[in-house]
Amino acid sequence: MSIEQFPEIETFQKLPRKVIVKGGSSGKDSKGRPELRGIVINNIGHSIRDTKVSLVIFDKQEIPVLNKSTAPNPSHLPQGGIGSFSFVLEDYEGEITNYYLYASWKYDDSEW
């Protein structure tokens, strides 16, 4: 699912049955460091916990140059829950343009 299709989605029934990670526009924070913000949507049909979002940045030759992880707020997401995340990179100088985002999580089995 590309970013162009994302605003056209009206209900969770039209979303794919997975945990969806979408990055917003990248920019600079108040101290001039590269920053990327985005959202995580849980649409797998069960609550999840210990959610982490990972960011991989590639150079011009498609070689990974940086890999960072962060926990979204909140990291526990019920079905249909949305969390937000932010990456502020202290050890990267360029603009965040060529990147890949993915999520890892555990099923919330506390009520099973």
Protein backbone atom coordinates (compact mmCIF):
# COMPACT_ATOMS: atom_id res chain seq x y z
CA MET A 1 0.00 0.00 0.00
CA SER A 2 1.61 3.24 -1.10
CA ILE A 3 1.36 6.57 0.68
CA GLU A 4 -0.85 7.89 -2.14
CA GLN A 5 -3.54 5.30 -1.35
CA PHE A 6 -3.51 5.98 2.40
CA PRO A 7 -5.72 9.15 2.50
CA GLU A 8 -8.43 7.42 0.42
CA ILE A 9 -9.03 4.73 3.03
CA GLU A 10 -12.26 5.49 4.85
CA THR A 11 -12.70 2.55 7.23
CA PHE A 12 -10.55 -0.09 8.88
CA GLN A 13 -12.35 -2.76 6.82
CA LYS A 14 -10.53 -1.47 3.71
CA LEU A 15 -7.11 -1.62 5.36
CA PRO A 16 -4.95 -4.74 4.97
CA ARG A 17 -5.00 -7.15 7.95
CA LYS A 18 -1.59 -6.20 9.35
CA VAL A 19 0.18 -3.65 11.49
CA ILE A 20 0.61 -0.62 9.23
CA VAL A 21 3.47 1.85 9.66
CA LYS A 22 3.38 5.18 7.83
CA GLY A 23 6.02 7.87 7.99
CA GLY A 24 5.08 11.50 7.61
CA SER A 25 7.26 14.18 6.14
CA SER A 26 10.80 14.37 7.35
CA GLY A 27 12.37 17.59 8.49
CA LYS A 28 14.59 19.07 11.18
CA ASP A 29 13.86 19.45 14.87
CA SER A 30 14.48 22.66 16.83
CA LYS A 31 18.18 21.79 17.19
CA GLY A 32 18.64 21.13 13.46
CA ARG A 33 18.77 17.33 13.72
CA PRO A 34 17.00 15.16 11.11
CA GLU A 35 13.56 14.06 12.29
CA LEU A 36 10.87 11.67 11.00
CA ARG A 37 7.39 11.31 12.52
CA GLY A 38 4.65 8.85 11.70
CA ILE A 39 1.85 6.57 12.88
CA VAL A 40 1.28 2.88 13.56
CA ILE A 41 -2.18 1.31 13.02
CA ASN A 42 -3.06 -2.09 14.49
CA ASN A 43 -5.42 -3.87 12.07
CA ILE A 44 -4.54 -7.54 12.65
CA GLY A 45 -7.69 -8.31 14.63
CA HIS A 46 -6.09 -8.71 18.08
CA SER A 47 -4.50 -6.46 20.67
CA ILE A 48 -0.72 -6.15 20.47
CA ARG A 49 1.94 -5.07 22.97
CA ASP A 50 5.67 -4.26 23.05
CA THR A 51 5.38 -2.57 19.68
CA LYS A 52 8.57 -1.22 18.12
CA VAL A 53 9.03 0.74 14.92
CA SER A 54 12.34 0.35 13.07
CA LEU A 55 13.79 2.79 10.57
CA VAL A 56 16.38 1.80 7.97
CA ILE A 57 17.99 4.62 5.97
CA PHE A 58 19.65 3.91 2.60
CA ASP A 59 22.29 5.86 0.72
CA LYS A 60 22.18 6.72 -3.01
CA GLN A 61 23.34 3.21 -3.92
CA GLU A 62 20.56 1.54 -1.87
CA ILE A 63 23.01 0.39 0.82
CA PRO A 64 21.71 0.60 4.43
CA VAL A 65 23.61 3.23 6.39
CA LEU A 66 21.56 3.49 9.59
CA ASN A 67 19.10 1.35 11.54
CA LYS A 68 17.20 2.74 14.56
CA SER A 69 14.22 1.54 16.59
CA THR A 70 11.75 3.33 18.84
CA ALA A 71 8.58 2.50 20.72
CA PRO A 72 5.43 4.29 19.57
CA ASN A 73 3.18 6.07 22.02
CA PRO A 74 1.31 4.00 23.17
CA SER A 75 3.20 0.73 22.61
CA HIS A 76 0.12 -1.33 23.55
CA LEU A 77 -2.47 -1.08 20.77
CA PRO A 78 -5.95 -2.62 20.76
CA GLN A 79 -7.51 -3.65 17.45
CA GLY A 80 -7.93 -0.42 15.47
CA GLY A 81 -5.59 1.47 17.80
CA ILE A 82 -3.27 4.15 16.47
CA GLY A 83 0.08 5.10 17.97
CA SER A 84 2.55 7.80 16.97
CA PHE A 85 6.32 7.69 16.79
CA SER A 86 9.19 10.07 16.21
CA PHE A 87 12.81 9.51 15.22
CA VAL A 88 15.32 12.27 15.99
CA LEU A 89 18.70 11.24 14.63
CA GLU A 90 21.78 12.50 16.42
CA ASP A 91 24.25 10.43 14.39
CA TYR A 92 22.99 11.18 10.87
CA GLU A 93 23.64 14.41 8.99
CA GLY A 94 21.55 14.24 5.80
CA GLU A 95 17.86 14.57 5.11
CA ILE A 96 15.76 11.44 5.63
CA THR A 97 14.54 10.69 2.10
CA ASN A 98 15.29 7.06 1.17
CA TYR A 99 14.09 4.91 4.07
CA TYR A 100 12.11 1.82 5.05
CA LEU A 101 9.85 1.49 8.12
CA TYR A 102 8.66 -1.74 9.70
CA ALA A 103 7.04 -2.78 12.97
CA SER A 104 7.59 -5.65 15.37
CA TRP A 105 5.21 -6.60 18.18
CA LYS A 106 3.88 -9.37 20.39
CA TYR A 107 0.29 -10.50 20.69
CA ASP A 108 -1.32 -9.27 23.90
CA ASP A 109 -2.28 -12.61 25.42
CA SER A 110 -2.99 -11.28 28.94
CA GLU A 111 -6.72 -11.92 28.58
CA TRP A 112 -6.54 -15.34 26.87
